[in-house]
Amino acid sequence: MLILHERWSLGSTLSFLYVQKSVVAAKSLSDMSKHYFIGKNFRGLSSYQIKLVALFFMTIDHLGAYGFSVSILRKCYSVFRVLGRIAAPLFLFTLTESIRKTSNQCKLLLRLYVAAILVGITTTFMNYFFGNSLGEYAQDNIIFTYFYTAIYCIFIEKIKSNVLSCRWRKALLLIALLLAISAFPHFLSTAFLQLHVKSQFLQDLFYSFVCSPLKVQYTPLFCIMGVTMYFLKASYAKAIAFILFSMLSYNLRFSRYFQESIFSDFFGYPQYWMALAAPFMLLYNGSRGKESKWLFYIYYPIHRYVIIVFSYLVLLLNQ
């Protein structure tokens, strides 16, 4: 028992030293990349600039996903999809910063929910009116993923604050409210399924307003990753946590248990390539940059259908 205890203590110490060195190394890498590899006058990337980078890689991803009628895009499909994994984590990274720095968290949540509804409605009506010609597309709406991530960050922060202040009643009330917010959309979705609505249009319209946190794009693990990053305030600490989640995605990609679970999208190829987003996180300088609250929400659905229509026109010309 004594030997086992000594080995456990040694293992714990080595693990702590490894994590401590990783943090120091990441911080040093962040500083070095800003001052030496890019230039001494480079002050890093603002939140707005990181969003623009994410926007670029999202467009690359969707060129590969929806531009299949264009020969050169079809040939680059795998490369574009891999590069596209950079986008979502960068938006998640900037979201965790926005939650902390916004002057009105309620408005931020409302903006996310309204944006998610508008994206869902756009997909619904495009499928209904142009589905036969352009093709029907699934209700993949990552804004709901960001919406739930923001909810959990805000509520857990408030619960933590009340627990530390020994306001137990308020903390329990917030926990109950968070559980209700999480459970209500799931039960609402289940009740809707019991109605056996046959119209695909009505189904899509319903899911434009309601999304269970268990069925968000990239799975609930993406939300958990966002919450973890939120509570790690330093950008290099966020990057380390993010890399650990990427390693988890890579190491468990062949696990039958996870492949058949609600977390399958998080462990499928090429999701683990999201680790490529880490260098951009390390370049974050802590500033907000230019204000543009609705640009990214508007661009998200519109650019996708621009690519789809362009691909469809190319297909017609080649016939």
Protein backbone atom coordinates (compact mmCIF):
# COMPACT_ATOMS: atom_id res chain seq x y z
CA MET A 1 0.00 0.00 0.00
CA LEU A 2 2.85 2.34 0.83
CA ILE A 3 4.54 1.66 -2.52
CA LEU A 4 1.23 2.22 -4.33
CA HIS A 5 0.70 5.49 -2.47
CA GLU A 6 4.23 6.64 -3.35
CA ARG A 7 3.70 5.78 -7.03
CA TRP A 8 0.39 7.64 -7.07
CA SER A 9 1.99 10.68 -5.43
CA LEU A 10 4.86 10.59 -7.95
CA GLY A 11 2.40 10.27 -10.85
CA SER A 12 0.30 13.18 -9.56
CA THR A 13 3.39 15.35 -9.15
CA LEU A 14 4.64 14.54 -12.66
CA SER A 15 1.18 15.26 -14.13
CA PHE A 16 1.03 18.60 -12.32
CA LEU A 17 4.53 19.52 -13.53
CA TYR A 18 3.61 18.50 -17.11
CA VAL A 19 0.48 20.68 -17.10
CA GLN A 20 2.38 23.55 -15.50
CA LYS A 21 5.13 23.34 -18.16
CA SER A 22 2.48 23.13 -20.91
CA VAL A 23 0.88 26.35 -19.69
CA VAL A 24 4.24 28.13 -19.55
CA ALA A 25 5.18 26.79 -23.00
CA ALA A 26 1.86 27.91 -24.51
CA LYS A 27 2.22 31.39 -23.02
CA SER A 28 5.78 31.65 -24.33
CA LEU A 29 4.67 30.42 -27.76
CA SER A 30 1.90 33.02 -27.81
CA ASP A 31 4.32 35.86 -26.99
CA MET A 32 7.00 34.57 -29.38
CA SER A 33 4.60 34.17 -32.30
CA LYS A 34 3.41 37.77 -31.88
CA HIS A 35 6.83 39.40 -31.61
CA TYR A 36 9.17 37.28 -33.71
CA PHE A 37 7.39 35.16 -36.32
CA ILE A 38 4.99 37.92 -37.42
CA GLY A 39 6.82 41.08 -36.43
CA LYS A 40 7.69 43.23 -33.45
CA ASN A 41 5.01 45.77 -34.33
CA PHE A 42 2.31 43.12 -34.52
CA ARG A 43 -0.08 43.49 -31.59
CA GLY A 44 -2.05 40.31 -32.11
CA LEU A 45 -5.57 39.76 -33.39
CA SER A 46 -8.71 41.40 -32.01
CA SER A 47 -11.92 39.47 -31.51
CA TYR A 48 -13.33 41.02 -34.69
CA GLN A 49 -10.27 39.96 -36.72
CA ILE A 50 -10.48 36.39 -35.39
CA LYS A 51 -14.13 36.33 -36.48
CA LEU A 52 -13.06 37.39 -39.98
CA VAL A 53 -10.54 34.53 -40.03
CA ALA A 54 -13.31 32.16 -38.92
CA LEU A 55 -15.58 33.60 -41.63
CA PHE A 56 -12.94 32.88 -44.27
CA PHE A 57 -12.47 29.25 -43.21
CA MET A 58 -16.24 28.74 -42.92
CA THR A 59 -16.58 29.89 -46.54
CA ILE A 60 -13.79 27.49 -47.58
CA ASP A 61 -15.61 24.68 -45.77
CA HIS A 62 -18.92 25.40 -47.49
CA LEU A 63 -17.26 25.73 -50.90
CA GLY A 64 -16.20 22.13 -50.42
CA ALA A 65 -19.54 21.01 -48.97
CA TYR A 66 -21.90 22.67 -51.47
CA GLY A 67 -19.77 23.45 -54.53
CA PHE A 68 -19.69 19.84 -55.75
CA SER A 69 -20.73 20.79 -59.31
CA VAL A 70 -17.57 22.84 -59.81
CA SER A 71 -14.73 20.54 -60.86
CA ILE A 72 -11.90 22.30 -59.01
CA LEU A 73 -13.96 22.53 -55.80
CA ARG A 74 -14.88 18.85 -56.03
CA LYS A 75 -11.19 17.93 -56.29
CA CYS A 76 -10.37 20.03 -53.22
CA TYR A 77 -13.26 18.62 -51.18
CA SER A 78 -11.16 16.85 -48.49
CA VAL A 79 -8.71 19.74 -48.08
CA PHE A 80 -11.49 22.33 -47.85
CA ARG A 81 -13.41 20.28 -45.27
CA VAL A 82 -10.28 19.89 -43.13
CA LEU A 83 -9.54 23.64 -43.28
CA GLY A 84 -13.18 24.32 -42.49
CA ARG A 85 -12.77 22.71 -39.06
CA ILE A 86 -10.93 25.89 -38.02
CA ALA A 87 -14.06 28.07 -38.23
CA ALA A 88 -16.45 26.83 -35.53
CA PRO A 89 -13.89 26.76 -32.66
CA LEU A 90 -12.79 30.33 -33.47
CA PHE A 91 -16.39 31.56 -33.33
CA LEU A 92 -16.72 29.66 -30.04
CA PHE A 93 -13.54 31.29 -28.72
CA THR A 94 -14.76 34.81 -29.56
CA LEU A 95 -18.17 33.99 -28.07
CA THR A 96 -16.62 33.14 -24.69
CA GLU A 97 -14.90 36.54 -24.77
CA SER A 98 -18.11 38.34 -25.78
CA ILE A 99 -20.06 36.75 -22.91
CA ARG A 100 -17.53 38.06 -20.42
CA LYS A 101 -17.19 41.54 -21.91
CA THR A 102 -20.73 42.35 -23.02
CA SER A 103 -22.64 44.99 -21.09
CA ASN A 104 -25.93 43.14 -21.52
CA GLN A 105 -25.87 39.33 -21.46
CA CYS A 106 -29.66 39.09 -21.95
CA LYS A 107 -29.38 40.98 -25.24
CA LEU A 108 -26.57 38.68 -26.34
CA LEU A 109 -28.73 35.60 -25.66
CA LEU A 110 -31.70 37.16 -27.45
CA ARG A 111 -29.54 38.04 -30.45
CA LEU A 112 -28.24 34.47 -30.67
CA TYR A 113 -31.72 32.97 -30.42
CA VAL A 114 -33.21 35.36 -33.03
CA ALA A 115 -30.28 34.63 -35.35
CA ALA A 116 -30.79 30.88 -34.90
CA ILE A 117 -34.50 31.24 -35.76
CA LEU A 118 -33.76 33.33 -38.87
CA VAL A 119 -31.22 30.78 -40.10
CA GLY A 120 -33.71 27.96 -39.52
CA ILE A 121 -36.54 29.78 -41.29
CA THR A 122 -34.28 30.61 -44.25
CA THR A 123 -33.35 26.92 -44.64
CA THR A 124 -37.01 25.88 -44.26
CA PHE A 125 -38.34 28.19 -46.97
CA MET A 126 -35.42 27.51 -49.34
CA ASN A 127 -36.10 23.78 -49.01
CA TYR A 128 -39.83 24.31 -49.60
CA PHE A 129 -39.62 26.60 -52.64
CA PHE A 130 -36.36 25.49 -54.25
CA GLY A 131 -35.78 22.00 -52.83
CA ASN A 132 -36.60 20.24 -56.10
CA SER A 133 -34.04 22.23 -58.09
CA LEU A 134 -31.34 23.19 -55.59
CA GLY A 135 -31.75 20.18 -53.31
CA GLU A 136 -32.97 19.97 -49.73
CA TYR A 137 -30.58 20.59 -46.90
CA ALA A 138 -30.67 19.51 -43.26
CA GLN A 139 -31.40 21.96 -40.46
CA ASP A 140 -27.76 22.18 -39.39
CA ASN A 141 -27.82 25.33 -37.30
CA ILE A 142 -24.65 25.88 -35.31
CA ILE A 143 -26.00 29.11 -33.82
CA PHE A 144 -28.12 26.97 -31.48
CA THR A 145 -24.85 25.40 -30.29
CA TYR A 146 -23.49 28.85 -29.47
CA PHE A 147 -26.80 29.84 -27.89
CA TYR A 148 -26.72 26.96 -25.40
CA THR A 149 -23.02 27.49 -24.74
CA ALA A 150 -23.77 31.10 -23.78
CA ILE A 151 -26.67 30.03 -21.53
CA TYR A 152 -24.52 27.50 -19.65
CA CYS A 153 -21.62 29.95 -19.26
CA ILE A 154 -23.85 32.70 -17.87
CA PHE A 155 -25.84 30.45 -15.52
CA ILE A 156 -22.84 28.53 -14.19
CA GLU A 157 -21.05 31.83 -13.53
CA LYS A 158 -24.04 33.11 -11.57
CA ILE A 159 -24.43 29.82 -9.67
CA LYS A 160 -20.74 29.88 -8.75
CA SER A 161 -21.01 33.49 -7.56
CA ASN A 162 -23.99 32.67 -5.34
CA VAL A 163 -22.35 29.55 -3.92
CA LEU A 164 -19.20 31.50 -3.02
CA SER A 165 -21.40 34.14 -1.36
CA CYS A 166 -23.32 31.40 0.51
CA ARG A 167 -26.60 32.43 -1.13
CA TRP A 168 -27.75 28.80 -1.31
CA ARG A 169 -31.42 29.44 -2.06
CA LYS A 170 -30.66 31.61 -5.07
CA ALA A 171 -28.02 29.12 -6.27
CA LEU A 172 -30.53 26.24 -6.08
CA LEU A 173 -33.14 28.33 -7.89
CA LEU A 174 -30.66 29.05 -10.72
CA ILE A 175 -29.75 25.35 -10.94
CA ALA A 176 -33.44 24.43 -11.19
CA LEU A 177 -33.99 27.10 -13.86
CA LEU A 178 -30.98 25.89 -15.87
CA LEU A 179 -32.24 22.30 -15.76
CA ALA A 180 -35.69 23.48 -16.88
CA ILE A 181 -34.22 25.49 -19.78
CA SER A 182 -32.22 22.41 -20.84
CA ALA A 183 -35.08 19.93 -20.48
CA PHE A 184 -38.00 21.94 -21.90
CA PRO A 185 -36.86 21.97 -25.59
CA HIS A 186 -36.14 18.23 -25.40
CA PHE A 187 -39.61 17.42 -24.02
CA LEU A 188 -41.19 19.82 -26.53
CA SER A 189 -39.40 18.05 -29.40
CA THR A 190 -40.51 14.66 -28.07
CA ALA A 191 -44.13 15.86 -27.81
CA PHE A 192 -43.97 17.19 -31.38
CA LEU A 193 -42.78 13.78 -32.63
CA GLN A 194 -45.81 12.17 -30.98
CA LEU A 195 -48.07 14.27 -33.22
CA HIS A 196 -46.69 12.40 -36.28
CA VAL A 197 -46.67 15.52 -38.45
CA LYS A 198 -46.04 14.35 -42.02
CA SER A 199 -45.35 17.72 -43.62
CA GLN A 200 -41.58 18.24 -43.93
CA PHE A 201 -42.18 21.99 -44.13
CA LEU A 202 -43.95 22.05 -40.75
CA GLN A 203 -41.28 19.84 -39.22
CA ASP A 204 -38.50 22.14 -40.42
CA LEU A 205 -40.45 25.20 -39.29
CA PHE A 206 -40.88 23.74 -35.80
CA TYR A 207 -37.17 22.93 -35.48
CA SER A 208 -36.34 26.48 -36.58
CA PHE A 209 -37.66 27.60 -33.18
CA VAL A 210 -36.91 24.58 -30.99
CA CYS A 211 -33.63 22.70 -30.66
CA SER A 212 -32.79 20.25 -27.89
CA PRO A 213 -29.35 20.83 -26.30
CA LEU A 214 -28.74 17.11 -26.84
CA LYS A 215 -29.08 17.53 -30.62
CA VAL A 216 -27.06 20.67 -31.30
CA GLN A 217 -24.56 20.65 -34.16
CA TYR A 218 -21.17 19.19 -33.14
CA THR A 219 -22.92 17.62 -30.12
CA PRO A 220 -23.16 18.81 -26.48
CA LEU A 221 -19.41 18.19 -26.11
CA PHE A 222 -18.83 21.31 -28.19
CA CYS A 223 -20.87 23.28 -25.64
CA ILE A 224 -18.87 21.71 -22.79
CA MET A 225 -15.67 22.72 -24.59
CA GLY A 226 -17.00 26.29 -24.84
CA VAL A 227 -17.88 26.42 -21.13
CA THR A 228 -14.40 25.12 -20.24
CA MET A 229 -12.79 27.80 -22.40
CA TYR A 230 -15.00 30.49 -20.84
CA PHE A 231 -13.77 29.79 -17.31
CA LEU A 232 -10.12 29.75 -18.45
CA LYS A 233 -9.65 33.49 -18.89
CA ALA A 234 -6.17 33.57 -20.48
CA SER A 235 -6.08 32.89 -24.23
CA TYR A 236 -3.18 30.41 -23.90
CA ALA A 237 -5.12 28.46 -21.24
CA LYS A 238 -8.16 28.36 -23.55
CA ALA A 239 -5.90 27.10 -26.36
CA ILE A 240 -4.51 24.30 -24.16
CA ALA A 241 -8.01 23.17 -23.15
CA PHE A 242 -9.08 23.32 -26.78
CA ILE A 243 -6.11 21.18 -27.89
CA LEU A 244 -6.96 18.60 -25.19
CA PHE A 245 -10.52 18.38 -26.56
CA SER A 246 -9.08 18.00 -30.09
CA MET A 247 -6.86 15.16 -28.84
CA LEU A 248 -9.92 13.55 -27.28
CA SER A 249 -11.71 13.81 -30.63
CA TYR A 250 -8.74 12.16 -32.37
CA ASN A 251 -8.06 9.39 -29.85
CA LEU A 252 -11.69 8.26 -29.55
CA ARG A 253 -12.61 8.52 -33.24
CA PHE A 254 -12.70 4.71 -33.64
CA SER A 255 -14.55 4.05 -30.38
CA ARG A 256 -17.72 2.12 -31.19
CA TYR A 257 -19.43 3.49 -28.07
CA PHE A 258 -18.96 7.13 -29.12
CA GLN A 259 -19.63 6.47 -32.81
CA GLU A 260 -23.08 5.16 -31.89
CA SER A 261 -23.85 7.86 -29.32
CA ILE A 262 -25.17 11.41 -29.56
CA PHE A 263 -21.50 12.52 -29.52
CA SER A 264 -20.62 10.82 -32.83
CA ASP A 265 -20.19 14.09 -34.80
CA PHE A 266 -17.54 15.27 -32.35
CA PHE A 267 -15.40 12.17 -32.94
CA GLY A 268 -15.89 11.71 -36.69
CA TYR A 269 -13.42 12.62 -39.42
CA PRO A 270 -12.29 15.36 -39.96
CA GLN A 271 -13.48 17.00 -36.73
CA TYR A 272 -10.20 16.52 -34.85
CA TRP A 273 -8.52 18.83 -37.39
CA MET A 274 -10.17 21.67 -35.47
CA ALA A 275 -6.86 21.73 -33.55
CA LEU A 276 -5.59 23.93 -36.42
CA ALA A 277 -7.54 26.81 -34.85
CA ALA A 278 -5.25 26.91 -31.77
CA PRO A 279 -2.55 29.23 -33.26
CA PHE A 280 -5.18 31.90 -33.97
CA MET A 281 -6.36 31.69 -30.36
CA LEU A 282 -2.79 32.23 -29.18
CA LEU A 283 -2.62 35.42 -31.28
CA TYR A 284 -5.59 36.98 -29.50
CA ASN A 285 -4.65 40.36 -27.98
CA GLY A 286 -7.65 40.76 -25.67
CA SER A 287 -9.29 43.62 -27.58
CA ARG A 288 -12.77 43.61 -29.09
CA GLY A 289 -11.90 45.47 -32.27
CA LYS A 290 -14.52 46.78 -34.68
CA GLU A 291 -18.19 46.43 -33.68
CA SER A 292 -20.36 44.41 -36.05
CA LYS A 293 -23.02 42.48 -34.17
CA TRP A 294 -25.17 41.20 -37.06
CA LEU A 295 -22.67 40.79 -39.95
CA PHE A 296 -21.68 37.25 -39.03
CA TYR A 297 -25.24 36.09 -38.36
CA ILE A 298 -26.42 37.43 -41.74
CA TYR A 299 -23.43 36.09 -43.67
CA TYR A 300 -23.87 32.56 -42.28
CA PRO A 301 -27.08 31.56 -44.17
CA ILE A 302 -26.66 33.88 -47.18
CA HIS A 303 -23.19 32.77 -48.33
CA ARG A 304 -24.25 29.13 -48.17
CA TYR A 305 -27.08 29.65 -50.65
CA VAL A 306 -24.92 31.84 -52.88
CA ILE A 307 -22.56 28.84 -53.20
CA ILE A 308 -25.49 26.44 -53.72
CA VAL A 309 -27.03 28.59 -56.47
CA PHE A 310 -23.63 29.08 -58.15
CA SER A 311 -23.04 25.30 -58.07
CA TYR A 312 -26.51 24.70 -59.54
CA LEU A 313 -25.89 27.18 -62.39
CA VAL A 314 -22.57 25.49 -63.21
CA LEU A 315 -24.38 22.15 -63.28
CA LEU A 316 -26.96 23.53 -65.75
CA LEU A 317 -24.25 24.96 -68.01
CA ASN A 318 -22.42 21.62 -68.09
CA GLN A 319 -25.50 19.65 -69.15
